[in-house]
Protein backbone atom coordinates (compact mmCIF):
# COMPACT_ATOMS: atom_id res chain seq x y z
CA MET A 1 -27.63 2.14 11.31
CA PRO A 2 -24.54 1.40 13.43
CA ASP A 3 -23.24 -2.14 13.38
CA ALA A 4 -22.85 -4.33 16.48
CA ASP A 5 -19.11 -3.62 16.70
CA HIS A 6 -19.75 0.12 16.69
CA HIS A 7 -22.44 -0.21 19.36
CA HIS A 8 -20.17 -2.39 21.53
CA HIS A 9 -17.43 0.29 21.50
CA TYR A 10 -19.82 3.23 21.94
CA HIS A 11 -19.32 3.44 25.71
CA GLU A 12 -15.62 2.59 25.58
CA PRO A 13 -13.34 5.10 27.36
CA GLU A 14 -11.34 7.25 24.95
CA HIS A 15 -7.92 5.92 26.00
CA GLN A 16 -9.12 2.33 25.41
CA ARG A 17 -10.60 3.29 22.05
CA LEU A 18 -7.35 4.97 20.98
CA THR A 19 -5.30 1.97 22.12
CA ARG A 20 -7.61 -0.41 20.22
CA ASN A 21 -7.53 1.80 17.11
CA VAL A 22 -3.73 1.93 17.12
CA ALA A 23 -3.60 -1.87 17.49
CA GLU A 24 -6.04 -2.23 14.57
CA LEU A 25 -3.96 0.14 12.42
CA LEU A 26 -0.77 -1.78 13.15
CA GLY A 27 -2.53 -5.07 12.39
CA GLU A 28 -3.72 -3.74 9.03
CA LEU A 29 -0.18 -2.65 8.24
CA ARG A 30 1.07 -6.22 8.63
CA VAL A 31 -1.17 -7.30 5.76
CA ALA A 32 -0.10 -4.43 3.49
CA GLN A 33 3.58 -4.90 4.34
CA ALA A 34 3.44 -8.54 3.24
CA GLY A 35 2.29 -7.44 -0.21
CA VAL A 36 5.04 -4.84 -0.46
CA GLN A 37 7.71 -7.34 0.62
CA ILE A 38 6.63 -9.91 -1.97
CA LEU A 39 6.56 -7.30 -4.75
CA PHE A 40 9.87 -5.78 -3.68
CA GLY A 41 11.54 -9.21 -3.59
CA PHE A 42 10.27 -9.93 -7.11
CA LEU A 43 11.51 -6.58 -8.38
CA LEU A 44 14.95 -7.12 -6.85
CA ALA A 45 15.26 -10.67 -8.21
CA VAL A 46 14.31 -9.64 -11.76
CA VAL A 47 17.41 -7.45 -12.10
CA PHE A 48 19.66 -10.51 -11.95
CA THR A 49 18.00 -12.40 -14.81
CA GLN A 50 19.28 -12.65 -18.37
CA THR A 51 15.99 -11.29 -19.75
CA PHE A 52 16.39 -8.10 -17.72
CA LYS A 53 19.85 -7.52 -19.19
CA GLU A 54 18.37 -7.75 -22.69
CA ILE A 55 15.39 -5.39 -22.31
CA GLY A 56 15.48 -1.80 -23.47
CA THR A 57 15.88 1.47 -21.60
CA PHE A 58 12.12 2.09 -21.47
CA GLU A 59 11.46 -1.23 -19.78
CA LYS A 60 14.37 -0.71 -17.37
CA SER A 61 12.94 2.73 -16.56
CA LEU A 62 9.53 1.20 -15.82
CA HIS A 63 11.26 -1.28 -13.53
CA LEU A 64 13.06 1.51 -11.68
CA VAL A 65 9.78 3.42 -11.26
CA ALA A 66 8.20 0.27 -9.77
CA VAL A 67 11.16 -0.14 -7.39
CA VAL A 68 10.97 3.49 -6.25
CA LEU A 69 7.20 3.17 -5.69
CA ALA A 70 7.75 -0.03 -3.68
CA VAL A 71 10.39 1.73 -1.57
CA LEU A 72 8.06 4.69 -0.95
CA SER A 73 5.26 2.30 -0.07
CA THR A 74 7.53 0.49 2.41
CA ALA A 75 8.55 3.78 4.04
CA LEU A 76 4.98 5.10 4.25
CA LEU A 77 3.45 1.84 5.49
CA SER A 78 6.10 1.26 8.14
CA ALA A 79 6.10 4.87 9.40
CA PRO A 80 3.06 4.46 11.73
CA ALA A 81 4.75 1.52 13.47
CA ALA A 82 7.93 3.56 13.92
CA TRP A 83 5.91 6.55 15.14
CA HIS A 84 4.13 4.30 17.63
CA ARG A 85 7.45 3.05 18.98
CA VAL A 86 8.81 6.60 19.32
CA LEU A 87 5.66 8.28 20.64
CA PHE A 88 3.56 5.63 22.41
CA ARG A 89 4.67 6.55 25.94
CA ALA A 90 4.12 10.25 25.22
CA GLY A 91 0.32 9.80 25.10
CA ARG A 92 0.19 10.80 21.40
CA ARG A 93 -2.06 8.00 20.17
CA ARG A 94 -4.62 10.40 18.66
CA GLU A 95 -1.90 12.05 16.58
CA ILE A 96 -0.39 8.69 15.63
CA LEU A 97 -3.82 7.58 14.38
CA ARG A 98 -4.64 10.78 12.50
CA ARG A 99 -1.31 11.09 10.74
CA GLY A 100 -0.77 7.34 10.53
CA ASN A 101 -4.03 7.00 8.61
CA ARG A 102 -2.82 9.50 6.00
CA LEU A 103 0.55 7.75 5.72
CA VAL A 104 -1.16 4.38 5.24
CA LEU A 105 -3.45 5.75 2.53
CA MET A 106 -0.45 7.25 0.70
CA GLY A 107 1.46 3.98 1.17
CA LEU A 108 -1.43 1.98 -0.25
CA GLY A 109 -1.57 4.37 -3.19
CA CYS A 110 2.15 3.85 -3.84
CA LEU A 111 1.71 0.09 -3.51
CA ALA A 112 -1.15 0.10 -6.03
CA CYS A 113 0.96 2.17 -8.43
CA ALA A 114 3.95 -0.14 -7.95
CA VAL A 115 1.81 -3.18 -8.78
CA MET A 116 0.29 -1.36 -11.75
CA VAL A 117 3.72 -0.43 -13.16
CA THR A 118 5.04 -3.96 -12.54
CA VAL A 119 2.09 -5.52 -14.36
CA ALA A 120 2.54 -3.00 -17.18
CA LEU A 121 6.24 -3.89 -17.41
CA ILE A 122 5.46 -7.60 -17.63
CA GLY A 123 2.83 -6.92 -20.29
CA LYS A 124 5.31 -4.84 -22.30
CA VAL A 125 8.12 -7.40 -22.13
CA VAL A 126 5.91 -10.41 -22.87
CA PHE A 127 3.31 -9.05 -25.33
CA GLY A 128 4.14 -5.45 -26.29
CA THR A 129 2.79 -1.94 -25.88
CA VAL A 130 -0.93 -2.67 -26.22
CA ALA A 131 -0.77 -5.31 -23.49
CA MET A 132 1.21 -2.91 -21.31
CA ILE A 133 -1.48 -0.24 -21.63
CA LEU A 134 -4.40 -2.63 -21.11
CA LEU A 135 -2.82 -4.24 -18.04
CA ALA A 136 -1.86 -0.88 -16.52
CA VAL A 137 -5.34 0.54 -17.01
CA GLY A 138 -7.00 -2.64 -15.74
CA ALA A 139 -4.83 -2.73 -12.61
CA ALA A 140 -5.36 1.00 -11.99
CA LEU A 141 -9.13 0.62 -12.27
CA ALA A 142 -9.21 -2.46 -10.03
CA PHE A 143 -7.13 -0.87 -7.26
CA THR A 144 -8.90 2.46 -7.47
CA TYR A 145 -12.32 0.89 -7.22
CA LEU A 146 -11.62 -1.85 -4.67
CA TRP A 147 -9.36 0.13 -2.34
CA PHE A 148 -10.83 3.62 -2.54
CA VAL A 149 -14.13 4.05 -4.43
CA ALA A 150 -16.03 1.06 -2.97
CA PRO A 151 -15.21 1.89 0.68
CA TRP A 152 -15.92 5.57 0.05
CA ARG A 153 -19.34 4.61 -1.33
CA LEU A 154 -20.03 2.41 1.71
CA ARG A 155 -19.03 5.25 4.02
CA ARG A 156 -21.70 7.50 2.50
C-alpha cells in the first residue's frame, strides 16, 4: 500500500519529481558527509600522537586502510553534488539520480568499511587480536543489516 508521501507525488510532473529527488539525494549526502568528515579528522589526528608512533606495522597498515576507505567514501559521496553542479543546466537530472544513487551506495559501503577498520584498529591497540576481530565483525554486521538488509527487506 503506498504511503501518503507517495500518493501526494503521484501526479507530480516528471521535471518536478526529478528536481525534488535530486534535492533529496543532496540532502542525504550532507548527513553522510558529516560522518565521513568526523572519521577522517579522527584518523588524521591519530597519526600525530605518541601512541601511534609506538604501534606496529600491522596496526599502522590497518590505519592506512581506514584512511584510504575514508578518502574513497569522501570522493564517492561528494561526486553526485559535483555532477549536479556540472550537469544541472544540461537537463541530466535523471542520469545524475541513477548514477548518483550507485555512487552513494558505494560511498556508504566504503564509509561502513572505514568505520569497521577503525573500530578494529582501536580494539587491536587497546585489547588485542580477539577484540579486534569481535569489534570488526560486530561493526560489519551492524552496518550490513541496518544500512542494506533492513531497507532491502522493507522494499520487498
